[in-house]
Amino acid sequence: MMVSFFDQFASPSYLGIPLIAIAIALPWVLYPTPPARWINNRLITIQGWFINRFTNQLMLPLKVGGHKWALLLASLMIFLITINMLGLLPYTFTPTTQLSLNMGFAVPLWLATVIIGMRNQPTVALGHLLPEGTPIPLIPVLIIIETISLFIRPLALGVRLTANLTAGHLLIQLIATAVFVLLPMMPTVAILTAAVLFLLTLLEVAVAMIQAYVFVLLLSLYLQENV
C-alpha cells in the first residue's frame, strides 16, 4: 500500500518515452496570446493585470539593473503556478514534485545571481561572507559558515518546493483513501473526513500558488544582494 502512495510521483512514460516533457510544455499552451487589437477580452485583460501587478511588486525593491530579470521571473512564476495547479487535477502528474526539475531551475538562476554580483561588485559580494564588526578569532569560522549557507541556497529552493508539494499530494491521497475505506463501515465519519479532504484541497491550491511565489521571491532577494 505504501508503494502505491508514492507511485504518483514516478515520472510517467508511454512506449518507453517519458511524458514529463509534455507536462512541462502544456502550461504554455493554456495561456492565450494577446492579439494586435487594442481591446482584448476579459481573460487576457485579467492575465495582463495579474502579470503587471506581480512584476511591479517583485521589482520594487530591486535597482534598475535588476529590472532586466522581470520577464524571466514573471514567466517562471506563471509557469510554476500553472504546473502546481494542474498537478492537483485527478490522473495528472506534477513535474515540480521531482527534485531534479526544481534543482534544474534553482541552481542556474542562483548561480547567475552570484556571477552577476562577482562581476559587478566583487567587494560587496565577498563582503557578505564576513559581517562587519566580527571579532578576529571568529573570522575563519564565520567565513566557512557563510560560504556553506551560500551554497545551500539552491538546495533549499529546490527541496522547499519539492517537499511542500509532495507532502500535500500524499495527505490528499491518504485522506481520500480513508474516505473510501470508511464509507461502507462508518458513513458519518466518512462524510466528516470528506469535508476535511475538501478543506485540505483548498489549502493545497493556496500552497501551490504560495510556493511558486516564494520560489521566485527568494530568487529576487538573492538578486537584490548582488545588483
C-alpha atoms as a PDB file:
ATOM      1  CA  MET A   1       0.000   0.000   0.000  1.00  0.00           C
ATOM      2  CA  MET A   2       2.800   2.428   0.850  1.00  0.00           C
ATOM      3  CA  VAL A   3       4.468   1.806  -2.503  1.00  0.00           C
ATOM      4  CA  SER A   4       1.262   2.730  -4.342  1.00  0.00           C
ATOM      5  CA  PHE A   5       1.098   6.022  -2.466  1.00  0.00           C
ATOM      6  CA  PHE A   6       4.459   7.051  -3.868  1.00  0.00           C
ATOM      7  CA  ASP A   7       3.761   5.755  -7.371  1.00  0.00           C
ATOM      8  CA  GLN A   8       2.079   9.070  -8.192  1.00  0.00           C
ATOM      9  CA  PHE A   9       5.485  10.777  -8.035  1.00  0.00           C
ATOM     10  CA  ALA A  10       7.082   8.447 -10.584  1.00  0.00           C
ATOM     11  CA  SER A  11       7.641  10.065 -13.960  1.00  0.00           C
ATOM     12  CA  PRO A  12       5.080   8.548 -16.376  1.00  0.00           C
ATOM     13  CA  SER A  13       6.148   7.103 -19.694  1.00  0.00           C
ATOM     14  CA  TYR A  14       4.405   5.797 -22.814  1.00  0.00           C
ATOM     15  CA  LEU A  15       6.143   3.243 -25.046  1.00  0.00           C
ATOM     16  CA  GLY A  16       9.338   3.985 -23.161  1.00  0.00           C
ATOM     17  CA  ILE A  17       9.083   7.734 -23.848  1.00  0.00           C
ATOM     18  CA  PRO A  18       8.967   9.922 -20.699  1.00  0.00           C
ATOM     19  CA  LEU A  19       5.922  12.191 -20.676  1.00  0.00           C
ATOM     20  CA  ILE A  20       7.416  14.791 -18.353  1.00  0.00           C
ATOM     21  CA  ALA A  21       8.311  16.911 -21.394  1.00  0.00           C
ATOM     22  CA  ILE A  22       4.614  17.135 -22.324  1.00  0.00           C
ATOM     23  CA  ALA A  23       3.706  18.015 -18.740  1.00  0.00           C
ATOM     24  CA  ILE A  24       6.290  20.810 -18.770  1.00  0.00           C
ATOM     25  CA  ALA A  25       5.237  22.179 -22.171  1.00  0.00           C
ATOM     26  CA  LEU A  26       1.479  22.019 -21.508  1.00  0.00           C
ATOM     27  CA  PRO A  27       1.170  25.209 -19.374  1.00  0.00           C
ATOM     28  CA  TRP A  28       2.287  27.451 -22.215  1.00  0.00           C
ATOM     29  CA  VAL A  29      -0.479  26.077 -24.449  1.00  0.00           C
ATOM     30  CA  LEU A  30      -3.179  27.067 -21.951  1.00  0.00           C
ATOM     31  CA  TYR A  31      -2.390  30.783 -21.900  1.00  0.00           C
ATOM     32  CA  PRO A  32      -3.969  32.867 -24.666  1.00  0.00           C
ATOM     33  CA  THR A  33      -1.777  35.031 -26.855  1.00  0.00           C
ATOM     34  CA  PRO A  34      -2.684  38.740 -26.754  1.00  0.00           C
ATOM     35  CA  PRO A  35      -3.931  39.878 -30.179  1.00  0.00           C
ATOM     36  CA  ALA A  36      -2.832  43.005 -32.029  1.00  0.00           C
ATOM     37  CA  ARG A  37      -6.135  44.745 -31.263  1.00  0.00           C
ATOM     38  CA  TRP A  38      -6.380  47.492 -28.677  1.00  0.00           C
ATOM     39  CA  ILE A  39      -9.417  45.956 -26.986  1.00  0.00           C
ATOM     40  CA  ASN A  40      -8.928  42.474 -25.512  1.00  0.00           C
ATOM     41  CA  ASN A  41     -11.319  40.049 -23.889  1.00  0.00           C
ATOM     42  CA  ARG A  42     -11.695  39.698 -20.125  1.00  0.00           C
ATOM     43  CA  LEU A  43      -9.370  36.718 -19.797  1.00  0.00           C
ATOM     44  CA  ILE A  44      -6.422  38.445 -21.467  1.00  0.00           C
ATOM     45  CA  THR A  45      -7.147  41.648 -19.516  1.00  0.00           C
ATOM     46  CA  ILE A  46      -7.103  39.813 -16.175  1.00  0.00           C
ATOM     47  CA  GLN A  47      -3.991  37.907 -17.220  1.00  0.00           C
ATOM     48  CA  GLY A  48      -2.176  41.118 -18.160  1.00  0.00           C
ATOM     49  CA  TRP A  49      -3.281  42.864 -14.952  1.00  0.00           C
ATOM     50  CA  PHE A  50      -2.017  39.986 -12.801  1.00  0.00           C
ATOM     51  CA  ILE A  51       1.355  39.846 -14.566  1.00  0.00           C
ATOM     52  CA  ASN A  52       1.815  43.619 -14.315  1.00  0.00           C
ATOM     53  CA  ARG A  53       0.917  43.724 -10.612  1.00  0.00           C
ATOM     54  CA  PHE A  54       3.181  40.807  -9.788  1.00  0.00           C
ATOM     55  CA  THR A  55       6.093  42.227 -11.797  1.00  0.00           C
ATOM     56  CA  ASN A  56       5.761  45.657 -10.166  1.00  0.00           C
ATOM     57  CA  GLN A  57       5.654  44.119  -6.693  1.00  0.00           C
ATOM     58  CA  LEU A  58       8.650  41.886  -7.421  1.00  0.00           C
ATOM     59  CA  MET A  59      10.811  44.603  -8.979  1.00  0.00           C
ATOM     60  CA  LEU A  60      10.001  47.241  -6.350  1.00  0.00           C
ATOM     61  CA  PRO A  61      12.977  46.567  -4.011  1.00  0.00           C
ATOM     62  CA  LEU A  62      15.414  45.998  -6.895  1.00  0.00           C
ATOM     63  CA  LYS A  63      17.589  48.623  -8.521  1.00  0.00           C
ATOM     64  CA  VAL A  64      17.272  49.470 -12.206  1.00  0.00           C
ATOM     65  CA  GLY A  65      19.938  46.911 -13.125  1.00  0.00           C
ATOM     66  CA  GLY A  66      17.796  44.092 -11.747  1.00  0.00           C
ATOM     67  CA  HIS A  67      14.772  45.030 -13.839  1.00  0.00           C
ATOM     68  CA  LYS A  68      16.268  43.056 -16.722  1.00  0.00           C
ATOM     69  CA  TRP A  69      15.151  39.936 -14.845  1.00  0.00           C
ATOM     70  CA  ALA A  70      11.477  40.974 -14.826  1.00  0.00           C
ATOM     71  CA  LEU A  71      10.476  38.886 -17.855  1.00  0.00           C
ATOM     72  CA  LEU A  72      12.350  35.805 -16.649  1.00  0.00           C
ATOM     73  CA  LEU A  73      10.999  35.915 -13.088  1.00  0.00           C
ATOM     74  CA  ALA A  74       7.422  36.658 -14.158  1.00  0.00           C
ATOM     75  CA  SER A  75       7.490  33.813 -16.697  1.00  0.00           C
ATOM     76  CA  LEU A  76       8.917  31.423 -14.092  1.00  0.00           C
ATOM     77  CA  MET A  77       6.226  32.439 -11.611  1.00  0.00           C
ATOM     78  CA  ILE A  78       3.389  31.790 -14.085  1.00  0.00           C
ATOM     79  CA  PHE A  79       4.984  28.525 -15.184  1.00  0.00           C
ATOM     80  CA  LEU A  80       5.332  27.162 -11.635  1.00  0.00           C
ATOM     81  CA  ILE A  81       1.820  28.225 -10.620  1.00  0.00           C
ATOM     82  CA  THR A  82       0.287  26.557 -13.671  1.00  0.00           C
ATOM     83  CA  ILE A  83       2.219  23.307 -13.211  1.00  0.00           C
ATOM     84  CA  ASN A  84       1.378  23.164  -9.500  1.00  0.00           C
ATOM     85  CA  MET A  85      -2.318  23.826 -10.126  1.00  0.00           C
ATOM     86  CA  LEU A  86      -2.564  21.282 -12.950  1.00  0.00           C
ATOM     87  CA  GLY A  87      -0.954  18.712 -10.663  1.00  0.00           C
ATOM     88  CA  LEU A  88      -3.967  18.923  -8.327  1.00  0.00           C
ATOM     89  CA  LEU A  89      -6.288  17.562 -11.021  1.00  0.00           C
ATOM     90  CA  PRO A  90      -7.074  13.823 -10.932  1.00  0.00           C
ATOM     91  CA  TYR A  91      -4.912  11.491 -13.019  1.00  0.00           C
ATOM     92  CA  THR A  92      -2.259  14.135 -13.619  1.00  0.00           C
ATOM     93  CA  PHE A  93       1.470  14.299 -12.958  1.00  0.00           C
ATOM     94  CA  THR A  94       3.164  17.178 -11.166  1.00  0.00           C
ATOM     95  CA  PRO A  95       6.696  17.742 -12.528  1.00  0.00           C
ATOM     96  CA  THR A  96       7.578  20.029  -9.612  1.00  0.00           C
ATOM     97  CA  THR A  97       7.429  17.065  -7.222  1.00  0.00           C
ATOM     98  CA  GLN A  98      10.687  15.943  -8.869  1.00  0.00           C
ATOM     99  CA  LEU A  99      13.719  17.337  -7.056  1.00  0.00           C
ATOM    100  CA  SER A 100      15.805  17.113 -10.220  1.00  0.00           C
ATOM    101  CA  LEU A 101      13.494  19.520 -12.082  1.00  0.00           C
ATOM    102  CA  ASN A 102      13.387  22.014  -9.210  1.00  0.00           C
ATOM    103  CA  MET A 103      17.158  21.907  -8.830  1.00  0.00           C
ATOM    104  CA  GLY A 104      17.410  22.432 -12.574  1.00  0.00           C
ATOM    105  CA  PHE A 105      15.561  25.720 -12.067  1.00  0.00           C
ATOM    106  CA  ALA A 106      17.223  26.731  -8.792  1.00  0.00           C
ATOM    107  CA  VAL A 107      20.923  26.083  -9.461  1.00  0.00           C
ATOM    108  CA  PRO A 108      21.371  28.001 -12.759  1.00  0.00           C
ATOM    109  CA  LEU A 109      19.335  31.005 -11.584  1.00  0.00           C
ATOM    110  CA  TRP A 110      21.114  31.158  -8.223  1.00  0.00           C
ATOM    111  CA  LEU A 111      24.485  30.790  -9.950  1.00  0.00           C
ATOM    112  CA  ALA A 112      23.569  33.614 -12.328  1.00  0.00           C
ATOM    113  CA  THR A 113      22.891  35.956  -9.391  1.00  0.00           C
ATOM    114  CA  VAL A 114      26.243  35.039  -7.804  1.00  0.00           C
ATOM    115  CA  ILE A 115      28.137  35.568 -11.076  1.00  0.00           C
ATOM    116  CA  ILE A 116      26.447  38.955 -11.575  1.00  0.00           C
ATOM    117  CA  GLY A 117      27.476  40.013  -8.080  1.00  0.00           C
ATOM    118  CA  MET A 118      31.069  38.849  -8.528  1.00  0.00           C
ATOM    119  CA  ARG A 119      31.289  40.662 -11.875  1.00  0.00           C
ATOM    120  CA  ASN A 120      29.612  43.960 -10.968  1.00  0.00           C
ATOM    121  CA  GLN A 121      30.610  44.424  -7.323  1.00  0.00           C
ATOM    122  CA  PRO A 122      33.090  41.756  -6.183  1.00  0.00           C
ATOM    123  CA  THR A 123      33.982  43.591  -2.960  1.00  0.00           C
ATOM    124  CA  VAL A 124      30.361  43.796  -1.810  1.00  0.00           C
ATOM    125  CA  ALA A 125      29.644  40.212  -2.905  1.00  0.00           C
ATOM    126  CA  LEU A 126      32.604  38.862  -0.937  1.00  0.00           C
ATOM    127  CA  GLY A 127      31.757  41.179   1.967  1.00  0.00           C
ATOM    128  CA  HIS A 128      28.554  39.183   2.541  1.00  0.00           C
ATOM    129  CA  LEU A 129      30.749  36.297   3.709  1.00  0.00           C
ATOM    130  CA  LEU A 130      32.014  38.315   6.668  1.00  0.00           C
ATOM    131  CA  PRO A 131      29.650  40.534   8.697  1.00  0.00           C
ATOM    132  CA  GLU A 132      31.016  43.891   9.781  1.00  0.00           C
ATOM    133  CA  GLY A 133      32.427  44.070  13.294  1.00  0.00           C
ATOM    134  CA  THR A 134      33.222  40.364  13.579  1.00  0.00           C
ATOM    135  CA  PRO A 135      35.853  39.517  16.245  1.00  0.00           C
ATOM    136  CA  ILE A 136      39.154  38.398  14.737  1.00  0.00           C
ATOM    137  CA  PRO A 137      39.109  34.866  16.258  1.00  0.00           C
ATOM    138  CA  LEU A 138      35.679  34.195  14.697  1.00  0.00           C
ATOM    139  CA  ILE A 139      36.592  35.352  11.183  1.00  0.00           C
ATOM    140  CA  PRO A 140      37.643  31.910   9.772  1.00  0.00           C
ATOM    141  CA  VAL A 141      34.632  30.164  11.309  1.00  0.00           C
ATOM    142  CA  LEU A 142      32.149  32.761  10.031  1.00  0.00           C
ATOM    143  CA  ILE A 143      33.622  32.704   6.531  1.00  0.00           C
ATOM    144  CA  ILE A 144      33.170  28.930   6.412  1.00  0.00           C
ATOM    145  CA  ILE A 145      29.614  29.142   7.775  1.00  0.00           C
ATOM    146  CA  GLU A 146      28.584  31.917   5.350  1.00  0.00           C
ATOM    147  CA  THR A 147      30.130  30.053   2.416  1.00  0.00           C
ATOM    148  CA  ILE A 148      28.205  26.905   3.305  1.00  0.00           C
ATOM    149  CA  SER A 149      24.983  28.881   3.690  1.00  0.00           C
ATOM    150  CA  LEU A 150      25.595  30.469   0.282  1.00  0.00           C
ATOM    151  CA  PHE A 151      25.937  27.097  -1.435  1.00  0.00           C
ATOM    152  CA  ILE A 152      22.938  25.672   0.435  1.00  0.00           C
ATOM    153  CA  ARG A 153      20.609  28.313  -1.052  1.00  0.00           C
ATOM    154  CA  PRO A 154      19.805  26.484  -4.336  1.00  0.00           C
ATOM    155  CA  LEU A 155      19.329  23.217  -2.442  1.00  0.00           C
ATOM    156  CA  ALA A 156      16.903  24.945  -0.065  1.00  0.00           C
ATOM    157  CA  LEU A 157      14.971  26.388  -3.021  1.00  0.00           C
ATOM    158  CA  GLY A 158      14.546  23.021  -4.700  1.00  0.00           C
ATOM    159  CA  VAL A 159      13.868  20.989  -1.556  1.00  0.00           C
ATOM    160  CA  ARG A 160      11.306  23.510  -0.218  1.00  0.00           C
ATOM    161  CA  LEU A 161       9.218  23.367  -3.381  1.00  0.00           C
ATOM    162  CA  THR A 162       9.511  19.575  -3.698  1.00  0.00           C
ATOM    163  CA  ALA A 163       8.764  18.817  -0.043  1.00  0.00           C
ATOM    164  CA  ASN A 164       5.698  21.063   0.228  1.00  0.00           C
ATOM    165  CA  LEU A 165       4.058  19.733  -2.925  1.00  0.00           C
ATOM    166  CA  THR A 166       4.938  16.102  -2.161  1.00  0.00           C
ATOM    167  CA  ALA A 167       3.563  16.342   1.388  1.00  0.00           C
ATOM    168  CA  GLY A 168       0.325  17.896   0.149  1.00  0.00           C
ATOM    169  CA  HIS A 169      -0.232  15.234  -2.501  1.00  0.00           C
ATOM    170  CA  LEU A 170       0.448  12.460  -0.002  1.00  0.00           C
ATOM    171  CA  LEU A 171      -2.007  13.916   2.521  1.00  0.00           C
ATOM    172  CA  ILE A 172      -4.717  14.228  -0.131  1.00  0.00           C
ATOM    173  CA  GLN A 173      -4.228  10.627  -1.241  1.00  0.00           C
ATOM    174  CA  LEU A 174      -4.145   9.282   2.324  1.00  0.00           C
ATOM    175  CA  ILE A 175      -7.340  11.095   3.353  1.00  0.00           C
ATOM    176  CA  ALA A 176      -9.095  10.156   0.094  1.00  0.00           C
ATOM    177  CA  THR A 177      -8.201   6.502   0.707  1.00  0.00           C
ATOM    178  CA  ALA A 178      -9.554   6.792   4.249  1.00  0.00           C
ATOM    179  CA  VAL A 179     -12.844   8.183   2.907  1.00  0.00           C
ATOM    180  CA  PHE A 180     -13.339   5.219   0.563  1.00  0.00           C
ATOM    181  CA  VAL A 181     -12.434   2.725   3.298  1.00  0.00           C
ATOM    182  CA  LEU A 182     -14.708   4.300   5.930  1.00  0.00           C
ATOM    183  CA  LEU A 183     -17.707   4.934   3.664  1.00  0.00           C
ATOM    184  CA  PRO A 184     -19.274   1.426   3.846  1.00  0.00           C
ATOM    185  CA  MET A 185     -18.487   0.972   7.538  1.00  0.00           C
ATOM    186  CA  MET A 186     -18.981   4.431   9.109  1.00  0.00           C
ATOM    187  CA  PRO A 187     -20.735   6.811   6.701  1.00  0.00           C
ATOM    188  CA  THR A 188     -20.849   9.696   9.195  1.00  0.00           C
ATOM    189  CA  VAL A 189     -17.118   9.570   9.838  1.00  0.00           C
ATOM    190  CA  ALA A 190     -16.532   9.238   6.098  1.00  0.00           C
ATOM    191  CA  ILE A 191     -18.553  12.407   5.402  1.00  0.00           C
ATOM    192  CA  LEU A 192     -16.592  14.314   8.043  1.00  0.00           C
ATOM    193  CA  THR A 193     -13.348  13.031   6.551  1.00  0.00           C
ATOM    194  CA  ALA A 194     -14.519  14.109   3.092  1.00  0.00           C
ATOM    195  CA  ALA A 195     -15.127  17.617   4.459  1.00  0.00           C
ATOM    196  CA  VAL A 196     -11.560  17.630   5.797  1.00  0.00           C
ATOM    197  CA  LEU A 197     -10.403  16.466   2.364  1.00  0.00           C
ATOM    198  CA  PHE A 198     -12.227  19.362   0.703  1.00  0.00           C
ATOM    199  CA  LEU A 199     -10.619  21.879   3.061  1.00  0.00           C
ATOM    200  CA  LEU A 200      -7.225  20.290   2.522  1.00  0.00           C
ATOM    201  CA  THR A 201      -7.681  20.571  -1.243  1.00  0.00           C
ATOM    202  CA  LEU A 202      -8.396  24.289  -0.879  1.00  0.00           C
ATOM    203  CA  LEU A 203      -5.289  24.583   1.264  1.00  0.00           C
ATOM    204  CA  GLU A 204      -3.229  22.798  -1.389  1.00  0.00           C
ATOM    205  CA  VAL A 205      -4.470  25.240  -4.031  1.00  0.00           C
ATOM    206  CA  ALA A 206      -3.147  28.057  -1.865  1.00  0.00           C
ATOM    207  CA  VAL A 207       0.120  26.177  -1.229  1.00  0.00           C
ATOM    208  CA  ALA A 208       0.579  25.616  -4.980  1.00  0.00           C
ATOM    209  CA  MET A 209       0.432  29.366  -5.596  1.00  0.00           C
ATOM    210  CA  ILE A 210       2.338  30.421  -2.476  1.00  0.00           C
ATOM    211  CA  GLN A 211       5.250  28.048  -3.081  1.00  0.00           C
ATOM    212  CA  ALA A 212       5.673  29.302  -6.643  1.00  0.00           C
ATOM    213  CA  TYR A 213       5.648  32.872  -5.342  1.00  0.00           C
ATOM    214  CA  VAL A 214       8.150  32.059  -2.568  1.00  0.00           C
ATOM    215  CA  PHE A 215      10.486  30.377  -5.075  1.00  0.00           C
ATOM    216  CA  VAL A 216      10.581  33.463  -7.301  1.00  0.00           C
ATOM    217  CA  LEU A 217      10.633  35.878  -4.348  1.00  0.00           C
ATOM    218  CA  LEU A 218      13.737  34.253  -2.868  1.00  0.00           C
ATOM    219  CA  LEU A 219      15.438  34.409  -6.252  1.00  0.00           C
ATOM    220  CA  SER A 220      14.673  38.124  -6.399  1.00  0.00           C
ATOM    221  CA  LEU A 221      16.131  38.585  -2.903  1.00  0.00           C
ATOM    222  CA  TYR A 222      19.311  36.786  -3.971  1.00  0.00           C
ATOM    223  CA  LEU A 223      19.411  39.050  -6.999  1.00  0.00           C
ATOM    224  CA  GLN A 224      18.908  42.130  -4.803  1.00  0.00           C
ATOM    225  CA  GLU A 225      22.057  41.268  -2.833  1.00  0.00           C
ATOM    226  CA  ASN A 226      24.164  41.148  -5.996  1.00  0.00           C
ATOM    227  CA  VAL A 227      22.804  44.019  -8.085  1.00  0.00           C
END
